[in-house]
Protein backbone atom coordinates (compact mmCIF):
# COMPACT_ATOMS: atom_id res chain seq x y z
CA MET A 1 -5.85 62.61 116.70
CA SER A 2 -5.95 63.10 120.49
CA LYS A 3 -6.26 60.19 122.87
CA LYS A 4 -9.51 59.31 124.63
CA ILE A 5 -8.52 58.25 128.12
CA ALA A 6 -10.36 55.94 130.51
CA LEU A 7 -9.51 56.27 134.19
CA ILE A 8 -9.86 52.94 136.01
CA PHE A 9 -9.48 52.18 139.71
CA PRO A 10 -8.85 48.82 141.46
CA GLY A 11 -10.83 47.20 144.24
CA GLN A 12 -10.12 45.31 147.43
CA GLY A 13 -7.26 42.85 147.07
CA ALA A 14 -4.95 45.25 145.22
CA GLN A 15 -3.61 46.81 148.43
CA ALA A 16 0.02 46.31 149.47
CA VAL A 17 2.09 47.62 152.37
CA GLY A 18 4.08 50.62 151.17
CA MET A 19 1.36 51.81 148.80
CA GLY A 20 1.70 55.53 148.18
CA ARG A 21 4.77 56.05 150.37
CA GLU A 22 7.21 56.85 147.55
CA LEU A 23 4.55 58.77 145.65
CA ALA A 24 3.93 61.03 148.66
CA ALA A 25 7.66 61.40 149.33
CA ARG A 26 8.30 62.75 145.83
CA TYR A 27 5.09 64.60 144.97
CA PRO A 28 3.49 67.22 147.28
CA ALA A 29 0.12 66.69 145.53
CA ALA A 30 0.07 63.06 146.68
CA ALA A 31 1.37 63.91 150.16
CA ASN A 32 -1.40 66.48 150.56
CA ILE A 33 -4.11 63.93 149.75
CA PHE A 34 -2.78 61.44 152.31
CA ARG A 35 -2.53 64.27 154.87
CA GLN A 36 -6.12 65.31 154.22
CA ALA A 37 -7.26 61.69 154.54
CA ASP A 38 -5.63 61.32 157.97
CA GLU A 39 -7.33 64.53 159.14
CA ILE A 40 -10.77 63.56 157.79
CA LEU A 41 -10.68 60.03 159.22
CA GLY A 42 -9.17 61.04 162.55
CA TRP A 43 -6.59 58.24 162.41
CA SER A 44 -3.37 57.67 160.45
CA LEU A 45 -4.36 55.86 157.28
CA SER A 46 -1.04 56.91 155.74
CA LYS A 47 0.96 55.12 158.45
CA ILE A 48 -0.89 51.84 157.86
CA CYS A 49 -0.57 52.21 154.06
CA TRP A 50 3.14 52.91 154.25
CA GLU A 51 4.26 50.76 157.18
CA GLY A 52 1.56 48.13 157.73
CA PRO A 53 1.26 45.71 159.36
CA GLU A 54 -0.25 43.77 156.47
CA GLU A 55 -3.02 42.24 158.58
CA GLU A 56 -4.19 45.73 159.51
CA LEU A 57 -4.09 47.03 155.93
CA THR A 58 -6.05 44.03 154.64
CA LYS A 59 -8.96 44.69 157.01
CA THR A 60 -11.97 45.66 154.92
CA SER A 61 -12.50 48.82 156.96
CA VAL A 62 -8.91 49.95 156.24
CA CYS A 63 -8.08 48.75 152.74
CA GLN A 64 -11.16 50.33 151.14
CA PRO A 65 -10.28 53.91 152.18
CA ALA A 66 -6.60 53.11 151.49
CA LEU A 67 -7.33 52.22 147.87
CA TYR A 68 -9.61 55.23 147.43
CA VAL A 69 -6.94 57.61 148.73
CA HIS A 70 -4.06 56.03 146.81
CA GLY A 71 -6.01 56.06 143.54
CA LEU A 72 -6.84 59.76 143.86
CA ALA A 73 -3.29 60.59 144.95
CA ALA A 74 -1.98 58.89 141.81
CA LEU A 75 -4.51 60.80 139.70
CA ALA A 76 -3.42 64.11 141.25
CA VAL A 77 0.19 63.37 140.34
CA VAL A 78 -0.70 62.40 136.76
CA ARG A 79 -2.73 65.58 136.34
CA GLU A 80 0.17 67.62 137.72
CA LYS A 81 2.54 66.03 135.20
CA CYS A 82 0.28 65.82 132.15
CA GLY A 83 -2.13 68.70 132.63
CA ASP A 84 -5.80 68.51 131.65
CA LEU A 85 -6.37 64.90 130.60
CA PRO A 86 -8.77 64.12 127.73
CA VAL A 87 -10.89 61.78 129.87
CA ALA A 88 -13.71 60.09 127.94
CA GLY A 89 -14.93 57.91 130.81
CA THR A 90 -14.13 56.19 134.08
CA ALA A 91 -14.94 53.02 135.99
CA GLY A 92 -13.70 51.15 139.04
CA LEU A 93 -13.82 47.57 140.22
CA SER A 94 -16.12 47.28 143.24
CA LEU A 95 -14.68 49.76 145.78
CA GLY A 96 -12.95 51.43 142.82
CA GLU A 97 -16.33 52.62 141.53
CA PHE A 98 -16.40 55.11 144.42
CA THR A 99 -12.93 56.35 143.46
CA ALA A 100 -14.14 56.74 139.87
CA HIS A 101 -17.08 58.85 141.05
CA ALA A 102 -14.76 61.06 143.10
CA ALA A 103 -12.51 61.51 140.06
CA ALA A 104 -15.54 62.53 137.99
CA GLY A 105 -16.79 64.99 140.61
CA THR A 106 -19.93 63.12 141.71
CA PHE A 107 -18.84 63.99 145.25
CA ASP A 108 -15.79 65.74 146.68
CA PHE A 109 -12.78 63.94 148.14
CA ALA A 110 -13.89 64.24 151.77
CA THR A 111 -17.48 63.14 151.11
CA GLY A 112 -16.30 60.12 149.14
CA LEU A 113 -13.72 59.16 151.76
CA LYS A 114 -16.32 59.22 154.54
CA LEU A 115 -18.67 57.12 152.39
CA VAL A 116 -15.95 54.59 151.62
CA ALA A 117 -14.90 54.36 155.25
CA ARG A 118 -18.51 53.66 156.25
CA ARG A 119 -18.88 51.13 153.41
CA GLY A 120 -15.75 49.31 154.57
CA GLN A 121 -17.04 49.28 158.15
CA PHE A 122 -20.47 47.98 157.12
CA MET A 123 -18.97 45.24 154.95
CA GLN A 124 -16.51 44.19 157.64
CA GLU A 125 -19.36 43.89 160.14
CA ALA A 126 -21.32 41.78 157.65
CA CYS A 127 -18.27 39.55 157.16
CA GLU A 128 -17.84 39.08 160.91
CA ALA A 129 -21.53 38.19 161.33
CA THR A 130 -21.41 35.41 158.72
CA GLN A 131 -19.25 32.51 157.58
CA GLY A 132 -18.67 33.53 153.99
CA GLY A 133 -16.23 32.69 151.24
CA MET A 134 -15.46 33.21 147.56
CA ALA A 135 -13.99 31.08 144.78
CA ALA A 136 -12.63 31.81 141.32
CA MET A 137 -13.93 29.72 138.43
CA ILE A 138 -11.31 29.67 135.69
CA GLY A 139 -12.04 28.69 132.11
CA ALA A 140 -15.84 28.76 131.99
CA GLU A 141 -18.57 30.78 130.31
CA GLU A 142 -20.85 32.95 132.44
CA ASN A 143 -23.97 30.86 131.81
CA VAL A 144 -22.16 27.72 132.99
CA VAL A 145 -20.99 29.39 136.20
CA ARG A 146 -24.50 30.74 136.81
CA ASP A 147 -25.88 27.19 136.50
CA LEU A 148 -23.25 25.95 138.96
CA ALA A 149 -23.99 28.82 141.35
CA ALA A 150 -27.69 27.99 141.29
CA ALA A 151 -26.96 24.33 142.01
CA ALA A 152 -24.68 25.19 144.95
CA ASP A 153 -26.91 28.05 146.19
CA VAL A 154 -24.19 30.70 145.91
CA ASP A 155 -24.06 34.01 144.00
CA VAL A 156 -22.01 35.18 141.01
CA ALA A 157 -19.90 37.97 142.49
CA ASN A 158 -17.47 39.11 139.79
CA ILE A 159 -17.34 38.67 136.02
CA ASN A 160 -13.79 39.95 135.69
CA ALA A 161 -12.72 38.75 132.25
CA PRO A 162 -13.46 35.92 129.82
CA GLY A 163 -12.95 32.69 131.73
CA GLN A 164 -12.43 34.46 135.06
CA ILE A 165 -15.60 34.53 137.17
CA VAL A 166 -15.93 34.57 140.98
CA VAL A 167 -18.72 33.05 143.09
CA SER A 168 -19.57 34.09 146.63
CA GLY A 169 -21.70 32.90 149.53
CA GLU A 170 -21.74 30.75 152.64
CA ALA A 171 -18.31 29.13 153.01
CA ALA A 172 -19.69 25.59 153.08
CA LYS A 173 -21.70 26.20 149.90
CA VAL A 174 -18.71 27.78 148.15
CA ALA A 175 -16.78 24.59 148.97
CA VAL A 176 -19.61 22.59 147.37
CA ALA A 177 -19.37 24.79 144.26
CA VAL A 178 -15.64 24.14 144.04
CA GLY A 179 -16.27 20.40 144.37
CA LEU A 180 -18.88 20.47 141.58
CA ALA A 181 -16.86 22.61 139.16
CA LYS A 182 -15.37 19.75 137.15
CA ASP A 183 -18.83 18.27 136.65
CA TYR A 184 -19.75 21.50 134.88
CA GLY A 185 -16.66 21.42 132.65
CA ILE A 186 -14.93 24.21 134.54
CA ARG A 187 -11.17 23.91 134.10
CA LYS A 188 -10.12 25.13 137.54
CA ALA A 189 -11.82 26.26 140.75
CA VAL A 190 -9.87 27.99 143.52
CA GLU A 191 -11.14 29.15 146.90
CA LEU A 192 -9.94 32.70 147.60
CA LYS A 193 -8.41 34.08 150.80
CA VAL A 194 -11.00 36.75 151.59
CA ALA A 195 -12.64 38.16 154.69
CA GLY A 196 -16.14 37.19 153.62
CA ALA A 197 -18.72 36.76 150.89
CA PHE A 198 -18.51 40.06 149.03
CA HIS A 199 -21.09 40.82 146.33
CA SER A 200 -23.49 38.20 147.66
CA ARG A 201 -26.74 38.07 149.65
CA LEU A 202 -24.65 37.79 152.83
CA MET A 203 -23.83 41.49 152.42
CA GLN A 204 -27.52 42.48 152.73
CA PRO A 205 -27.03 44.39 156.04
CA ALA A 206 -24.18 46.40 154.47
CA TYR A 207 -26.37 47.10 151.42
CA GLU A 208 -29.13 48.51 153.62
CA GLN A 209 -26.76 50.63 155.73
CA LEU A 210 -24.88 51.99 152.72
CA GLY A 211 -28.15 52.77 150.96
CA ALA A 212 -29.19 54.92 153.90
CA GLU A 213 -25.85 56.76 153.82
CA LEU A 214 -26.20 57.41 150.08
CA VAL A 215 -29.68 58.90 150.51
CA ARG A 216 -28.11 61.51 152.79
CA THR A 217 -25.23 62.23 150.38
CA VAL A 218 -25.35 65.24 148.07
CA LEU A 219 -24.34 64.24 144.53
CA HIS A 220 -23.23 66.50 141.68
CA GLU A 221 -23.26 66.28 137.91
CA THR A 222 -20.22 64.36 136.68
CA SER A 223 -17.53 66.03 134.57
CA PHE A 224 -17.18 62.88 132.43
CA PRO A 225 -19.14 59.59 132.14
CA VAL A 226 -18.99 57.01 134.94
CA VAL A 227 -19.74 53.37 134.06
CA CYS A 228 -21.38 51.45 136.90
CA ASN A 229 -20.54 47.87 137.93
CA VAL A 230 -24.00 46.35 138.12
CA ASP A 231 -25.38 47.50 134.74
CA ALA A 232 -22.09 48.20 132.90
CA LYS A 233 -23.72 51.40 131.63
CA VAL A 234 -23.11 55.11 132.12
CA VAL A 235 -25.00 56.43 135.16
CA GLU A 236 -26.17 60.03 135.16
CA SER A 237 -29.07 60.75 137.50
CA ALA A 238 -28.52 61.02 141.25
CA ASP A 239 -31.10 58.28 141.84
CA ASP A 240 -29.31 55.88 139.47
CA ILE A 241 -25.94 56.63 141.04
CA ARG A 242 -27.27 55.94 144.54
CA ARG A 243 -29.00 52.75 143.37
CA THR A 244 -26.01 51.31 141.54
CA LEU A 245 -23.49 52.13 144.28
CA ALA A 246 -25.69 50.37 146.83
CA ASP A 247 -26.64 47.46 144.57
CA GLN A 248 -23.06 46.44 143.84
CA VAL A 249 -22.56 45.45 147.49
CA THR A 250 -24.82 42.43 146.94
CA ASP A 251 -24.94 42.14 143.12
CA SER A 252 -22.51 40.96 140.43
CA VAL A 253 -19.66 43.23 139.38
CA ARG A 254 -19.72 43.12 135.56
CA TRP A 255 -16.15 44.33 135.07
CA ALA A 256 -15.61 42.77 131.65
CA ASP A 257 -18.74 44.53 130.36
CA CYS A 258 -17.65 47.82 131.97
CA VAL A 259 -14.39 47.70 130.02
CA THR A 260 -16.27 46.88 126.81
CA THR A 261 -18.55 49.89 127.40
CA LEU A 262 -15.54 52.17 127.86
CA LEU A 263 -13.98 50.84 124.67
CA ASP A 264 -16.96 50.52 122.35
CA ASP A 265 -19.57 52.99 123.60
CA LEU A 266 -17.31 55.78 124.89
CA GLY A 267 -14.48 55.25 122.40
CA CYS A 268 -11.67 55.07 124.98
CA ASP A 269 -8.35 54.04 123.46
CA THR A 270 -5.96 54.49 126.40
CA PHE A 271 -6.54 53.24 129.94
CA LEU A 272 -4.94 54.67 133.08
CA GLU A 273 -5.03 52.23 136.01
CA LEU A 274 -4.57 54.36 139.13
CA GLY A 275 -3.66 52.39 142.24
CA PRO A 276 -1.24 49.73 143.47
CA GLY A 277 -0.17 46.98 141.08
CA ALA A 278 -1.53 46.11 137.67
CA THR A 279 -4.43 43.73 138.36
CA LEU A 280 -6.84 45.58 136.08
CA ALA A 281 -4.30 45.75 133.26
CA GLY A 282 -4.10 41.95 133.37
CA MET A 283 -7.88 41.64 133.15
CA ILE A 284 -8.10 44.10 130.26
CA ALA A 285 -5.50 42.10 128.32
CA ARG A 286 -7.95 39.17 128.50
CA ILE A 287 -11.02 41.29 127.76
CA ARG A 288 -9.60 43.07 124.69
CA LYS A 289 -6.10 42.06 123.63
CA GLY A 290 -3.91 44.94 122.52
CA THR A 291 -5.66 47.64 124.59
CA VAL A 292 -3.19 50.26 125.80
CA VAL A 293 -3.10 50.32 129.62
CA HIS A 294 -0.72 52.37 131.79
CA SER A 295 -0.67 51.27 135.45
CA VAL A 296 0.34 54.17 137.70
CA GLY A 297 0.96 53.73 141.40
CA THR A 298 4.63 54.62 141.98
CA PRO A 299 7.04 57.41 140.96
CA GLU A 300 8.67 54.98 138.53
CA ASP A 301 5.30 54.48 136.84
CA VAL A 302 4.87 58.27 136.60
CA ASP A 303 8.35 58.66 135.09
CA LYS A 304 7.51 56.13 132.36
CA LEU A 305 4.13 57.68 131.59
CA SER A 306 3.75 59.35 128.21
CA LEU A 307 0.33 60.58 127.17
């Protein structure tokens, strides 16, 4: 019985200086994607990915295109090694949803890269215009965190895995949420080191700007199903794709439900995490213990890969 593969792509926070350098050095397919990215953007994304400095790479306007490019470079290498993959579905965490759409053919590499670069710029501008923050709530059910968020007047940003939910909003209100967490029976609350309040109402200007960009973007029929963050369902029509890609800038990312959809609705039995690190693999281990996940971001990962 052949495998049914899910391609998954990480979001902001997974970036690391050196990402893609060894992959491009060994594999021409990866080097070509980084070269194309530099030409399309008009500045050397590859240099920042490979050499840093870290503070430059972590800028929202830089790390979003960096993750998009690295994820698709890793996919190109895997396809070169393994041939035509039996992909049953794809999804990405936040920014990674754009990478997933590029992998599925919703838009070509260049179109997606320009979109992601604009998204990163819009979100960075929204961060700089506000005093936002985020905090992880560990060891609590979603309904409890939603009650806490309502009390503190913040938004639920990410539902990453059972007992791992992130809230987002004005920094002072996020601090209030952290202070109230124990009153709601939440085991641990940790403020995160982030540039701003992603996936919250503070991103409204970025939502509006990205929505306008998406209206102007030509979209194509996907070659395999893409599961969106905000509904955790397969999106098919161009209108739904535009809506869900814009909505996730201000709405909750339902990552745990996305993984469940890939497993239960699309029948995926093997996950390929394409990007730096193994953050998504760790989440999936909490969402559905025993799920097979291969994290691929370096030549060593490619060498170990057996599909």
